[in-house]
Amino acid sequence: MKSFWNEIKNEKRPVVIYGTGDAAERLFYMLKERGIRTMAFSSSSSFVRDRSFLGYKVLPMERVKEIFGSDIVLLLGFGSHDKKVIDHITALSKEYDLYIPDLLLNRENDAVTEETLEKERKRIEWAFSLLSDPFSRDVFSSTLEYRITGRIEPLLKVGREEDENWNLLEPNKGDVFFDGGAYNGDTISLFINKAGGYKEIYGVEPTPLSFRRMKERIGEKEGIKLFNTALGSEDGEVSFSTGHGRGNKVQSGSGTEVRSIDSILKGKRVDVIKLDIEGEEENALEGAKESIKKYRPRILLSAYHKSDDYWRLLEKVWSIRDDYRVYMRKNISLPNWDTFYILK
């Protein structure tokens, strides 16, 4: 299987980036670092409106086709959960040679290629061996194929509705639910609806605006405790920068309180933990090791923020206890967003 980042180095056709956001900018510079020239930026006609981006005039695809023809490499520089947008992207893939390059880098600052994955082969095979059902193995294999090739077809094959994650977790009204990365309270509301109630709920969200929205949405209810803090391996402070949507980052420094899950729970029972915290999941698991050892909570664990999440996160859980059944699911989205482990 040939990787996108190796193949694009030898590409002779015009390279066009579709999109004008943060991901498109990052893609532009990753290409530039590898000596690959972007010939144009494009967007849907309704978003063009005489715009410029990184010094390029943004062109509608009709104009791109007039200038370069159909034999181009079209690189998607944004993502979406919206089915209409995904249908539009799929239609573009029928007309153009379309890719959504994986932009995650490993700890050596390398993009995903055959060579970088070969170095991790034993760890990847170990993680794959833990999966408990055939569809989980399909999700693992297909999403990894996407990350190597940049093709959308593997993702389209395994995307499912979000309900599937929660059905696997089997929430019930007697559960204590810990929501790490609670955002605006949407998953707390979803949990309550799925479970038909709750014993206790802990909602943790570091972004002030999202935290305020969560408080407004959830309200002051008995048994619900909300924390405007980041999660980590231990209590302390971090530097937390707020980006757009998925752009929040935790860095060394101070200014934002960070708590461990064990510190928040103080030894109390927990039945379900959800972690979707922009790449800090491994640290949060370390900070929950006493709770995991004692109560063996079911865990919904995002596995798409870092290049090696697929194996490192399971290694972290297995260092705490090794008696979980492991499932993997991916919500409907492009690119590889919302890929989760469900541990129970």
C-alpha atoms as a PDB file:
ATOM      1  CA  MET A   1       0.000   0.000   0.000  1.00  0.00           C
ATOM      2  CA  LYS A   2       1.603   3.269  -1.121  1.00  0.00           C
ATOM      3  CA  SER A   3       1.339   6.292   1.120  1.00  0.00           C
ATOM      4  CA  PHE A   4       0.047   9.675   0.033  1.00  0.00           C
ATOM      5  CA  TRP A   5       3.063  11.537   1.402  1.00  0.00           C
ATOM      6  CA  ASN A   6       5.502   9.368  -0.550  1.00  0.00           C
ATOM      7  CA  GLU A   7       3.466   9.433  -3.770  1.00  0.00           C
ATOM      8  CA  ILE A   8       2.819  13.184  -3.819  1.00  0.00           C
ATOM      9  CA  LYS A   9       6.566  13.877  -3.987  1.00  0.00           C
ATOM     10  CA  ASN A  10       6.608  12.514  -7.543  1.00  0.00           C
ATOM     11  CA  GLU A  11       3.358  14.115  -8.698  1.00  0.00           C
ATOM     12  CA  LYS A  12       3.541  16.032 -12.010  1.00  0.00           C
ATOM     13  CA  ARG A  13      -0.123  17.078 -12.246  1.00  0.00           C
ATOM     14  CA  PRO A  14      -1.356  20.412 -10.845  1.00  0.00           C
ATOM     15  CA  VAL A  15      -2.041  20.268  -7.090  1.00  0.00           C
ATOM     16  CA  VAL A  16      -5.116  22.193  -5.909  1.00  0.00           C
ATOM     17  CA  ILE A  17      -6.253  22.596  -2.288  1.00  0.00           C
ATOM     18  CA  TYR A  18     -10.014  22.716  -1.711  1.00  0.00           C
ATOM     19  CA  GLY A  19     -10.682  24.716   1.445  1.00  0.00           C
ATOM     20  CA  THR A  20      -9.450  27.904   3.102  1.00  0.00           C
ATOM     21  CA  GLY A  21      -9.285  27.193   6.843  1.00  0.00           C
ATOM     22  CA  ASP A  22      -6.690  26.126   9.388  1.00  0.00           C
ATOM     23  CA  ALA A  23      -6.328  22.626   7.932  1.00  0.00           C
ATOM     24  CA  ALA A  24      -5.854  24.024   4.420  1.00  0.00           C
ATOM     25  CA  GLU A  25      -3.112  26.329   5.688  1.00  0.00           C
ATOM     26  CA  ARG A  26      -1.346  23.491   7.495  1.00  0.00           C
ATOM     27  CA  LEU A  27      -1.628  21.299   4.389  1.00  0.00           C
ATOM     28  CA  PHE A  28      -0.162  24.096   2.226  1.00  0.00           C
ATOM     29  CA  TYR A  29       2.929  24.363   4.434  1.00  0.00           C
ATOM     30  CA  MET A  30       3.374  20.603   4.761  1.00  0.00           C
ATOM     31  CA  LEU A  31       3.389  20.393   0.962  1.00  0.00           C
ATOM     32  CA  LYS A  32       5.766  23.340   0.690  1.00  0.00           C
ATOM     33  CA  GLU A  33       8.195  21.735   3.158  1.00  0.00           C
ATOM     34  CA  ARG A  34       8.321  18.719   0.836  1.00  0.00           C
ATOM     35  CA  GLY A  35       8.957  20.806  -2.272  1.00  0.00           C
ATOM     36  CA  ILE A  36       5.410  20.489  -3.629  1.00  0.00           C
ATOM     37  CA  ARG A  37       3.859  23.605  -5.138  1.00  0.00           C
ATOM     38  CA  THR A  38       0.176  24.361  -4.659  1.00  0.00           C
ATOM     39  CA  MET A  39      -1.201  25.747  -7.919  1.00  0.00           C
ATOM     40  CA  ALA A  40      -4.524  27.075  -6.591  1.00  0.00           C
ATOM     41  CA  PHE A  41      -6.984  27.225  -3.726  1.00  0.00           C
ATOM     42  CA  SER A  42     -10.607  26.485  -4.403  1.00  0.00           C
ATOM     43  CA  SER A  43     -13.902  26.485  -2.563  1.00  0.00           C
ATOM     44  CA  SER A  44     -17.567  26.080  -3.359  1.00  0.00           C
ATOM     45  CA  SER A  45     -18.976  28.999  -5.352  1.00  0.00           C
ATOM     46  CA  SER A  46     -21.020  30.277  -2.404  1.00  0.00           C
ATOM     47  CA  PHE A  47     -17.831  30.752  -0.325  1.00  0.00           C
ATOM     48  CA  VAL A  48     -15.524  32.296  -2.933  1.00  0.00           C
ATOM     49  CA  ARG A  49     -16.819  35.914  -3.142  1.00  0.00           C
ATOM     50  CA  ASP A  50     -13.550  37.484  -4.419  1.00  0.00           C
ATOM     51  CA  ARG A  51     -11.581  36.029  -1.500  1.00  0.00           C
ATOM     52  CA  SER A  52      -7.847  35.526  -1.226  1.00  0.00           C
ATOM     53  CA  PHE A  53      -6.011  32.990   0.914  1.00  0.00           C
ATOM     54  CA  LEU A  54      -2.257  32.787   1.578  1.00  0.00           C
ATOM     55  CA  GLY A  55      -1.701  35.148  -1.321  1.00  0.00           C
ATOM     56  CA  TYR A  56      -3.833  33.143  -3.779  1.00  0.00           C
ATOM     57  CA  LYS A  57      -7.110  34.272  -5.275  1.00  0.00           C
ATOM     58  CA  VAL A  58      -9.649  31.607  -4.257  1.00  0.00           C
ATOM     59  CA  LEU A  59     -11.254  30.090  -7.351  1.00  0.00           C
ATOM     60  CA  PRO A  60     -14.498  28.179  -7.787  1.00  0.00           C
ATOM     61  CA  MET A  61     -13.988  24.663  -9.127  1.00  0.00           C
ATOM     62  CA  GLU A  62     -15.503  25.712 -12.452  1.00  0.00           C
ATOM     63  CA  ARG A  63     -12.639  28.174 -12.937  1.00  0.00           C
ATOM     64  CA  VAL A  64     -10.046  25.649 -11.723  1.00  0.00           C
ATOM     65  CA  LYS A  65     -11.302  23.233 -14.366  1.00  0.00           C
ATOM     66  CA  GLU A  66     -11.083  25.907 -17.065  1.00  0.00           C
ATOM     67  CA  ILE A  67      -7.450  26.662 -16.174  1.00  0.00           C
ATOM     68  CA  PHE A  68      -6.058  23.211 -15.343  1.00  0.00           C
ATOM     69  CA  GLY A  69      -8.598  20.737 -16.741  1.00  0.00           C
ATOM     70  CA  SER A  70      -9.900  17.704 -14.841  1.00  0.00           C
ATOM     71  CA  ASP A  71      -6.577  15.875 -14.567  1.00  0.00           C
ATOM     72  CA  ILE A  72      -5.508  17.458 -11.294  1.00  0.00           C
ATOM     73  CA  VAL A  73      -4.770  16.319  -7.755  1.00  0.00           C
ATOM     74  CA  LEU A  74      -7.486  17.787  -5.547  1.00  0.00           C
ATOM     75  CA  LEU A  75      -6.596  17.873  -1.848  1.00  0.00           C
ATOM     76  CA  LEU A  76      -9.314  18.528   0.692  1.00  0.00           C
ATOM     77  CA  GLY A  77      -8.250  21.012   3.347  1.00  0.00           C
ATOM     78  CA  PHE A  78     -11.241  20.794   5.686  1.00  0.00           C
ATOM     79  CA  GLY A  79     -13.547  18.252   7.262  1.00  0.00           C
ATOM     80  CA  SER A  80     -17.225  17.821   7.998  1.00  0.00           C
ATOM     81  CA  HIS A  81     -19.853  15.716   9.752  1.00  0.00           C
ATOM     82  CA  ASP A  82     -22.605  17.074   7.517  1.00  0.00           C
ATOM     83  CA  LYS A  83     -23.994  14.414   5.188  1.00  0.00           C
ATOM     84  CA  LYS A  84     -24.717  16.932   2.410  1.00  0.00           C
ATOM     85  CA  VAL A  85     -21.116  18.162   2.529  1.00  0.00           C
ATOM     86  CA  ILE A  86     -19.842  14.568   2.553  1.00  0.00           C
ATOM     87  CA  ASP A  87     -22.031  13.804  -0.485  1.00  0.00           C
ATOM     88  CA  HIS A  88     -20.542  16.857  -2.229  1.00  0.00           C
ATOM     89  CA  ILE A  89     -17.005  15.693  -1.444  1.00  0.00           C
ATOM     90  CA  THR A  90     -17.858  12.207  -2.692  1.00  0.00           C
ATOM     91  CA  ALA A  91     -19.154  13.705  -5.946  1.00  0.00           C
ATOM     92  CA  LEU A  92     -15.890  15.646  -6.369  1.00  0.00           C
ATOM     93  CA  SER A  93     -13.967  12.388  -5.887  1.00  0.00           C
ATOM     94  CA  LYS A  94     -15.779  10.928  -8.897  1.00  0.00           C
ATOM     95  CA  GLU A  95     -14.608  13.786 -11.122  1.00  0.00           C
ATOM     96  CA  TYR A  96     -11.132  14.492  -9.738  1.00  0.00           C
ATOM     97  CA  ASP A  97      -8.298  12.520  -8.169  1.00  0.00           C
ATOM     98  CA  LEU A  98      -9.208  13.541  -4.619  1.00  0.00           C
ATOM     99  CA  TYR A  99      -7.362  12.974  -1.343  1.00  0.00           C
ATOM    100  CA  ILE A 100      -7.765  14.144   2.239  1.00  0.00           C
ATOM    101  CA  PRO A 101      -4.167  13.904   3.466  1.00  0.00           C
ATOM    102  CA  ASP A 102      -3.674  12.834   7.070  1.00  0.00           C
ATOM    103  CA  LEU A 103      -2.010  15.802   8.769  1.00  0.00           C
ATOM    104  CA  LEU A 104      -0.994  14.116  12.025  1.00  0.00           C
ATOM    105  CA  LEU A 105       2.726  13.836  12.717  1.00  0.00           C
ATOM    106  CA  ASN A 106       4.452  11.331  14.977  1.00  0.00           C
ATOM    107  CA  ARG A 107       6.805  12.236  17.806  1.00  0.00           C
ATOM    108  CA  GLU A 108       9.680  12.523  15.324  1.00  0.00           C
ATOM    109  CA  ASN A 109       7.638  15.030  13.281  1.00  0.00           C
ATOM    110  CA  ASP A 110       7.082  12.542  10.438  1.00  0.00           C
ATOM    111  CA  ALA A 111       3.822  12.125   8.528  1.00  0.00           C
ATOM    112  CA  VAL A 112       2.198   8.697   8.180  1.00  0.00           C
ATOM    113  CA  THR A 113       3.986   6.585   5.565  1.00  0.00           C
ATOM    114  CA  GLU A 114       4.752   2.920   5.039  1.00  0.00           C
ATOM    115  CA  GLU A 115       8.098   3.455   6.741  1.00  0.00           C
ATOM    116  CA  THR A 116       6.770   5.176   9.869  1.00  0.00           C
ATOM    117  CA  LEU A 117       4.127   2.495  10.393  1.00  0.00           C
ATOM    118  CA  GLU A 118       6.586  -0.343   9.824  1.00  0.00           C
ATOM    119  CA  LYS A 119       8.550   0.910  12.830  1.00  0.00           C
ATOM    120  CA  GLU A 120       5.423   0.437  14.950  1.00  0.00           C
ATOM    121  CA  ARG A 121       4.286  -2.842  13.414  1.00  0.00           C
ATOM    122  CA  LYS A 122       4.416  -4.945  16.593  1.00  0.00           C
ATOM    123  CA  ARG A 123       2.487  -2.361  18.615  1.00  0.00           C
ATOM    124  CA  ILE A 124      -0.115  -1.971  15.863  1.00  0.00           C
ATOM    125  CA  GLU A 125      -0.577  -5.741  15.603  1.00  0.00           C
ATOM    126  CA  TRP A 126      -0.925  -5.964  19.387  1.00  0.00           C
ATOM    127  CA  ALA A 127      -3.654  -3.291  19.450  1.00  0.00           C
ATOM    128  CA  PHE A 128      -5.458  -4.992  16.547  1.00  0.00           C
ATOM    129  CA  SER A 129      -5.350  -8.338  18.383  1.00  0.00           C
ATOM    130  CA  LEU A 130      -7.372  -6.874  21.269  1.00  0.00           C
ATOM    131  CA  LEU A 131     -10.405  -5.945  19.153  1.00  0.00           C
ATOM    132  CA  SER A 132     -13.488  -7.914  20.114  1.00  0.00           C
ATOM    133  CA  ASP A 133     -15.601  -8.046  16.957  1.00  0.00           C
ATOM    134  CA  PRO A 134     -15.151  -8.158  13.167  1.00  0.00           C
ATOM    135  CA  PHE A 135     -16.505  -4.650  12.614  1.00  0.00           C
ATOM    136  CA  SER A 136     -13.991  -3.191  15.071  1.00  0.00           C
ATOM    137  CA  ARG A 137     -11.246  -4.824  13.034  1.00  0.00           C
ATOM    138  CA  ASP A 138     -12.757  -3.333   9.867  1.00  0.00           C
ATOM    139  CA  VAL A 139     -12.773   0.134  11.456  1.00  0.00           C
ATOM    140  CA  PHE A 140      -9.162  -0.216  12.595  1.00  0.00           C
ATOM    141  CA  SER A 141      -7.952  -1.474   9.207  1.00  0.00           C
ATOM    142  CA  SER A 142      -9.993   0.953   7.109  1.00  0.00           C
ATOM    143  CA  THR A 143      -9.107   4.063   9.081  1.00  0.00           C
ATOM    144  CA  LEU A 144      -5.448   3.075   9.040  1.00  0.00           C
ATOM    145  CA  GLU A 145      -5.708   2.569   5.263  1.00  0.00           C
ATOM    146  CA  TYR A 146      -7.125   6.080   4.979  1.00  0.00           C
ATOM    147  CA  ARG A 147      -4.295   7.519   7.061  1.00  0.00           C
ATOM    148  CA  ILE A 148      -1.738   5.911   4.756  1.00  0.00           C
ATOM    149  CA  THR A 149      -3.374   6.628   1.403  1.00  0.00           C
ATOM    150  CA  GLY A 150      -5.459   9.772   2.014  1.00  0.00           C
ATOM    151  CA  ARG A 151      -8.369   8.176   0.159  1.00  0.00           C
ATOM    152  CA  ILE A 152     -11.909   8.758   1.410  1.00  0.00           C
ATOM    153  CA  GLU A 153     -13.411   5.400   0.401  1.00  0.00           C
ATOM    154  CA  PRO A 154     -12.166   3.490   3.497  1.00  0.00           C
ATOM    155  CA  LEU A 155     -13.765   6.108   5.769  1.00  0.00           C
ATOM    156  CA  LEU A 156     -17.062   6.063   3.896  1.00  0.00           C
ATOM    157  CA  LYS A 157     -17.186   2.285   4.338  1.00  0.00           C
ATOM    158  CA  VAL A 158     -17.016   2.277   8.152  1.00  0.00           C
ATOM    159  CA  GLY A 159     -18.701   5.522   9.265  1.00  0.00           C
ATOM    160  CA  ARG A 160     -21.700   4.937  11.531  1.00  0.00           C
ATOM    161  CA  GLU A 161     -24.162   7.034  13.516  1.00  0.00           C
ATOM    162  CA  GLU A 162     -22.983   8.223  16.940  1.00  0.00           C
ATOM    163  CA  ASP A 163     -25.677   6.124  18.625  1.00  0.00           C
ATOM    164  CA  GLU A 164     -23.583   3.022  18.022  1.00  0.00           C
ATOM    165  CA  ASN A 165     -20.928   4.188  20.507  1.00  0.00           C
ATOM    166  CA  TRP A 166     -23.497   4.773  23.209  1.00  0.00           C
ATOM    167  CA  ASN A 167     -25.355   1.525  22.546  1.00  0.00           C
ATOM    168  CA  LEU A 168     -22.086  -0.356  23.080  1.00  0.00           C
ATOM    169  CA  LEU A 169     -21.525   1.514  26.360  1.00  0.00           C
ATOM    170  CA  GLU A 170     -24.933   0.342  27.611  1.00  0.00           C
ATOM    171  CA  PRO A 171     -25.721   3.409  29.766  1.00  0.00           C
ATOM    172  CA  ASN A 172     -28.311   2.989  32.495  1.00  0.00           C
ATOM    173  CA  LYS A 173     -29.996   5.324  34.939  1.00  0.00           C
ATOM    174  CA  GLY A 174     -27.992   4.052  37.898  1.00  0.00           C
ATOM    175  CA  ASP A 175     -24.655   5.052  36.350  1.00  0.00           C
ATOM    176  CA  VAL A 176     -22.132   7.608  37.554  1.00  0.00           C
ATOM    177  CA  PHE A 177     -20.958   9.296  34.336  1.00  0.00           C
ATOM    178  CA  PHE A 178     -17.705  11.264  34.010  1.00  0.00           C
ATOM    179  CA  ASP A 179     -17.605  13.436  30.864  1.00  0.00           C
ATOM    180  CA  GLY A 180     -14.081  14.626  30.053  1.00  0.00           C
ATOM    181  CA  GLY A 181     -14.277  17.231  27.300  1.00  0.00           C
ATOM    182  CA  ALA A 182     -17.948  17.950  27.960  1.00  0.00           C
ATOM    183  CA  TYR A 183     -17.991  20.883  25.497  1.00  0.00           C
ATOM    184  CA  ASN A 184     -21.447  22.518  25.675  1.00  0.00           C
ATOM    185  CA  GLY A 185     -23.097  19.649  27.529  1.00  0.00           C
ATOM    186  CA  ASP A 186     -24.237  17.813  24.412  1.00  0.00           C
ATOM    187  CA  THR A 187     -22.856  14.430  25.485  1.00  0.00           C
ATOM    188  CA  ILE A 188     -24.222  14.841  29.007  1.00  0.00           C
ATOM    189  CA  SER A 189     -27.670  15.381  27.499  1.00  0.00           C
ATOM    190  CA  LEU A 190     -27.157  12.406  25.192  1.00  0.00           C
ATOM    191  CA  PHE A 191     -26.094  10.181  28.081  1.00  0.00           C
ATOM    192  CA  ILE A 192     -29.136  11.144  30.173  1.00  0.00           C
ATOM    193  CA  ASN A 193     -31.467  10.463  27.245  1.00  0.00           C
ATOM    194  CA  LYS A 194     -29.841   7.110  26.509  1.00  0.00           C
ATOM    195  CA  ALA A 195     -29.690   6.013  30.138  1.00  0.00           C
ATOM    196  CA  GLY A 196     -33.098   7.325  31.121  1.00  0.00           C
ATOM    197  CA  GLY A 197     -31.526   9.094  34.084  1.00  0.00           C
ATOM    198  CA  TYR A 198     -28.317   9.031  36.121  1.00  0.00           C
ATOM    199  CA  LYS A 199     -26.886   8.510  39.599  1.00  0.00           C
ATOM    200  CA  GLU A 200     -24.280  11.265  39.342  1.00  0.00           C
ATOM    201  CA  ILE A 201     -22.639  13.211  36.526  1.00  0.00           C
ATOM    202  CA  TYR A 202     -19.275  14.973  36.430  1.00  0.00           C
ATOM    203  CA  GLY A 203     -18.834  17.358  33.486  1.00  0.00           C
ATOM    204  CA  VAL A 204     -15.343  18.760  32.821  1.00  0.00           C
ATOM    205  CA  GLU A 205     -14.669  21.442  30.190  1.00  0.00           C
ATOM    206  CA  PRO A 206     -11.663  23.828  30.171  1.00  0.00           C
ATOM    207  CA  THR A 207     -12.863  26.351  27.564  1.00  0.00           C
ATOM    208  CA  PRO A 208     -14.690  29.206  29.362  1.00  0.00           C
ATOM    209  CA  LEU A 209     -17.241  29.841  26.592  1.00  0.00           C
ATOM    210  CA  SER A 210     -18.128  26.168  26.197  1.00  0.00           C
ATOM    211  CA  PHE A 211     -18.307  25.799  29.977  1.00  0.00           C
ATOM    212  CA  ARG A 212     -20.801  28.685  30.227  1.00  0.00           C
ATOM    213  CA  ARG A 213     -22.901  27.137  27.496  1.00  0.00           C
ATOM    214  CA  MET A 214     -22.799  23.793  29.288  1.00  0.00           C
ATOM    215  CA  LYS A 215     -24.026  25.415  32.520  1.00  0.00           C
ATOM    216  CA  GLU A 216     -26.850  27.095  30.614  1.00  0.00           C
ATOM    217  CA  ARG A 217     -27.800  23.874  28.866  1.00  0.00           C
ATOM    218  CA  ILE A 218     -27.556  21.480  31.821  1.00  0.00           C
ATOM    219  CA  GLY A 219     -28.524  23.883  34.574  1.00  0.00           C
ATOM    220  CA  GLU A 220     -28.159  23.387  38.310  1.00  0.00           C
ATOM    221  CA  LYS A 221     -29.463  19.877  38.898  1.00  0.00           C
ATOM    222  CA  GLU A 222     -29.019  17.528  41.803  1.00  0.00           C
ATOM    223  CA  GLY A 223     -26.197  15.065  41.274  1.00  0.00           C
ATOM    224  CA  ILE A 224     -24.521  17.037  38.456  1.00  0.00           C
ATOM    225  CA  LYS A 225     -21.124  18.611  39.143  1.00  0.00           C
ATOM    226  CA  LEU A 226     -19.498  20.829  36.512  1.00  0.00           C
ATOM    227  CA  PHE A 227     -15.814  21.780  36.469  1.00  0.00           C
ATOM    228  CA  ASN A 228     -14.172  24.515  34.378  1.00  0.00           C
ATOM    229  CA  THR A 229     -10.775  22.826  34.291  1.00  0.00           C
ATOM    230  CA  ALA A 230      -8.466  20.809  32.070  1.00  0.00           C
ATOM    231  CA  LEU A 231      -7.714  17.138  32.725  1.00  0.00           C
ATOM    232  CA  GLY A 232      -4.241  15.723  33.197  1.00  0.00           C
ATOM    233  CA  SER A 233      -2.119  13.151  34.972  1.00  0.00           C
ATOM    234  CA  GLU A 234      -2.017  15.225  38.178  1.00  0.00           C
ATOM    235  CA  ASP A 235      -3.295  18.477  39.651  1.00  0.00           C
ATOM    236  CA  GLY A 236      -1.532  21.672  38.666  1.00  0.00           C
ATOM    237  CA  GLU A 237      -1.655  24.354  35.984  1.00  0.00           C
ATOM    238  CA  VAL A 238      -1.145  24.362  32.216  1.00  0.00           C
ATOM    239  CA  SER A 239      -1.124  26.905  29.441  1.00  0.00           C
ATOM    240  CA  PHE A 240      -4.320  26.379  27.488  1.00  0.00           C
ATOM    241  CA  SER A 241      -4.880  28.041  24.118  1.00  0.00           C
ATOM    242  CA  THR A 242      -8.366  28.177  22.659  1.00  0.00           C
ATOM    243  CA  GLY A 243      -8.646  27.546  18.940  1.00  0.00           C
ATOM    244  CA  HIS A 244     -11.511  27.147  16.520  1.00  0.00           C
ATOM    245  CA  GLY A 245     -13.558  23.980  16.988  1.00  0.00           C
ATOM    246  CA  ARG A 246     -10.896  21.272  17.295  1.00  0.00           C
ATOM    247  CA  GLY A 247      -7.989  23.644  17.782  1.00  0.00           C
ATOM    248  CA  ASN A 248      -7.643  23.761  21.583  1.00  0.00           C
ATOM    249  CA  LYS A 249      -4.131  22.989  22.828  1.00  0.00           C
ATOM    250  CA  VAL A 250      -2.581  22.221  26.200  1.00  0.00           C
ATOM    251  CA  GLN A 251       1.036  23.302  26.615  1.00  0.00           C
ATOM    252  CA  SER A 252       3.527  23.530  29.453  1.00  0.00           C
ATOM    253  CA  GLY A 253       3.061  26.702  31.441  1.00  0.00           C
ATOM    254  CA  SER A 254       0.452  28.175  33.723  1.00  0.00           C
ATOM    255  CA  GLY A 255      -2.860  29.990  33.685  1.00  0.00           C
ATOM    256  CA  THR A 256      -5.405  27.159  33.454  1.00  0.00           C
ATOM    257  CA  GLU A 257      -6.173  24.779  36.290  1.00  0.00           C
ATOM    258  CA  VAL A 258      -5.627  21.097  35.536  1.00  0.00           C
ATOM    259  CA  ARG A 259      -7.084  18.276  37.630  1.00  0.00           C
ATOM    260  CA  SER A 260      -6.770  14.526  37.553  1.00  0.00           C
ATOM    261  CA  ILE A 261      -9.896  12.385  37.367  1.00  0.00           C
ATOM    262  CA  ASP A 262      -8.865  10.649  40.584  1.00  0.00           C
ATOM    263  CA  SER A 263      -8.574  14.027  42.309  1.00  0.00           C
ATOM    264  CA  ILE A 264     -12.054  15.070  41.179  1.00  0.00           C
ATOM    265  CA  LEU A 265     -13.690  11.763  42.105  1.00  0.00           C
ATOM    266  CA  LYS A 266     -11.873  11.487  45.471  1.00  0.00           C
ATOM    267  CA  GLY A 267     -12.263   7.729  45.534  1.00  0.00           C
ATOM    268  CA  LYS A 268     -15.954   7.749  44.683  1.00  0.00           C
ATOM    269  CA  ARG A 269     -17.492   5.298  42.239  1.00  0.00           C
ATOM    270  CA  VAL A 270     -17.527   5.891  38.485  1.00  0.00           C
ATOM    271  CA  ASP A 271     -19.302   3.653  35.953  1.00  0.00           C
ATOM    272  CA  VAL A 272     -18.688   5.380  32.610  1.00  0.00           C
ATOM    273  CA  ILE A 273     -15.835   7.690  31.540  1.00  0.00           C
ATOM    274  CA  LYS A 274     -15.852   9.576  28.249  1.00  0.00           C
ATOM    275  CA  LEU A 275     -12.608  11.248  27.133  1.00  0.00           C
ATOM    276  CA  ASP A 276     -12.415  13.481  24.072  1.00  0.00           C
ATOM    277  CA  ILE A 277      -9.871  16.106  25.087  1.00  0.00           C
ATOM    278  CA  GLU A 278      -7.797  17.132  22.066  1.00  0.00           C
ATOM    279  CA  GLY A 279      -4.898  14.718  22.499  1.00  0.00           C
ATOM    280  CA  GLU A 280      -4.612  14.734  26.292  1.00  0.00           C
ATOM    281  CA  GLU A 281      -6.367  11.386  26.678  1.00  0.00           C
ATOM    282  CA  GLU A 282      -3.223   9.465  27.654  1.00  0.00           C
ATOM    283  CA  ASN A 283      -2.447  11.904  30.470  1.00  0.00           C
ATOM    284  CA  ALA A 284      -6.060  11.805  31.658  1.00  0.00           C
ATOM    285  CA  LEU A 285      -5.960   8.002  31.790  1.00  0.00           C
ATOM    286  CA  GLU A 286      -2.824   8.196  33.916  1.00  0.00           C
ATOM    287  CA  GLY A 287      -4.709  10.554  36.218  1.00  0.00           C
ATOM    288  CA  ALA A 288      -7.615   8.087  36.452  1.00  0.00           C
ATOM    289  CA  LYS A 289      -5.624   4.941  37.208  1.00  0.00           C
ATOM    290  CA  GLU A 290      -6.906   4.487  40.761  1.00  0.00           C
ATOM    291  CA  SER A 291     -10.528   4.868  39.623  1.00  0.00           C
ATOM    292  CA  ILE A 292      -9.980   2.466  36.733  1.00  0.00           C
ATOM    293  CA  LYS A 293      -8.253  -0.093  38.968  1.00  0.00           C
ATOM    294  CA  LYS A 294     -10.987   0.053  41.598  1.00  0.00           C
ATOM    295  CA  TYR A 295     -14.192   0.372  39.569  1.00  0.00           C
ATOM    296  CA  ARG A 296     -13.356  -0.830  36.018  1.00  0.00           C
ATOM    297  CA  PRO A 297     -15.598   1.807  34.394  1.00  0.00           C
ATOM    298  CA  ARG A 298     -16.744   1.479  30.802  1.00  0.00           C
ATOM    299  CA  ILE A 299     -14.717   3.948  28.740  1.00  0.00           C
ATOM    300  CA  LEU A 300     -15.474   5.901  25.552  1.00  0.00           C
ATOM    301  CA  LEU A 301     -12.029   7.000  24.397  1.00  0.00           C
ATOM    302  CA  SER A 302     -11.269   9.227  21.414  1.00  0.00           C
ATOM    303  CA  ALA A 303      -8.373   7.836  19.362  1.00  0.00           C
ATOM    304  CA  TYR A 304      -7.822  10.325  16.556  1.00  0.00           C
ATOM    305  CA  HIS A 305      -5.946  13.331  17.935  1.00  0.00           C
ATOM    306  CA  LYS A 306      -2.396  11.956  17.835  1.00  0.00           C
ATOM    307  CA  SER A 307      -0.578   9.852  15.279  1.00  0.00           C
ATOM    308  CA  ASP A 308       0.001   6.922  17.647  1.00  0.00           C
ATOM    309  CA  ASP A 309      -3.280   6.992  19.620  1.00  0.00           C
ATOM    310  CA  TYR A 310      -4.353   3.624  18.202  1.00  0.00           C
ATOM    311  CA  TRP A 311      -1.759   1.724  20.202  1.00  0.00           C
ATOM    312  CA  ARG A 312      -0.490   4.109  22.902  1.00  0.00           C
ATOM    313  CA  LEU A 313      -3.930   4.608  24.471  1.00  0.00           C
ATOM    314  CA  LEU A 314      -4.559   0.890  24.766  1.00  0.00           C
ATOM    315  CA  GLU A 315      -1.052   0.428  26.168  1.00  0.00           C
ATOM    316  CA  LYS A 316      -1.888   3.010  28.828  1.00  0.00           C
ATOM    317  CA  VAL A 317      -5.163   1.295  29.769  1.00  0.00           C
ATOM    318  CA  TRP A 318      -3.467  -2.132  29.812  1.00  0.00           C
ATOM    319  CA  SER A 319      -0.803  -0.793  32.163  1.00  0.00           C
ATOM    320  CA  ILE A 320      -3.633  -0.114  34.621  1.00  0.00           C
ATOM    321  CA  ARG A 321      -5.758  -3.215  34.064  1.00  0.00           C
ATOM    322  CA  ASP A 322      -5.930  -5.684  31.195  1.00  0.00           C
ATOM    323  CA  ASP A 323      -9.383  -7.225  31.418  1.00  0.00           C
ATOM    324  CA  TYR A 324     -11.377  -5.004  29.062  1.00  0.00           C
ATOM    325  CA  ARG A 325     -13.191  -6.010  25.915  1.00  0.00           C
ATOM    326  CA  VAL A 326     -12.218  -3.529  23.193  1.00  0.00           C
ATOM    327  CA  TYR A 327     -14.409  -2.201  20.396  1.00  0.00           C
ATOM    328  CA  MET A 328     -13.690   0.470  17.807  1.00  0.00           C
ATOM    329  CA  ARG A 329     -16.191   2.676  16.028  1.00  0.00           C
ATOM    330  CA  LYS A 330     -16.055   5.723  13.780  1.00  0.00           C
ATOM    331  CA  ASN A 331     -18.802   8.307  13.489  1.00  0.00           C
ATOM    332  CA  ILE A 332     -19.857   9.557  10.057  1.00  0.00           C
ATOM    333  CA  SER A 333     -17.333  12.257   9.135  1.00  0.00           C
ATOM    334  CA  LEU A 334     -14.497  13.179   6.812  1.00  0.00           C
ATOM    335  CA  PRO A 335     -11.586  12.962   7.497  1.00  0.00           C
ATOM    336  CA  ASN A 336     -10.681  10.603  10.367  1.00  0.00           C
ATOM    337  CA  TRP A 337     -12.523  12.510  13.102  1.00  0.00           C
ATOM    338  CA  ASP A 338     -14.523  10.853  15.844  1.00  0.00           C
ATOM    339  CA  THR A 339     -12.827   7.460  15.876  1.00  0.00           C
ATOM    340  CA  PHE A 340     -13.321   5.909  19.300  1.00  0.00           C
ATOM    341  CA  TYR A 341     -12.377   2.941  21.409  1.00  0.00           C
ATOM    342  CA  ILE A 342     -15.192   1.581  23.542  1.00  0.00           C
ATOM    343  CA  LEU A 343     -13.853  -0.399  26.502  1.00  0.00           C
ATOM    344  CA  LYS A 344     -16.171  -2.476  28.630  1.00  0.00           C
END
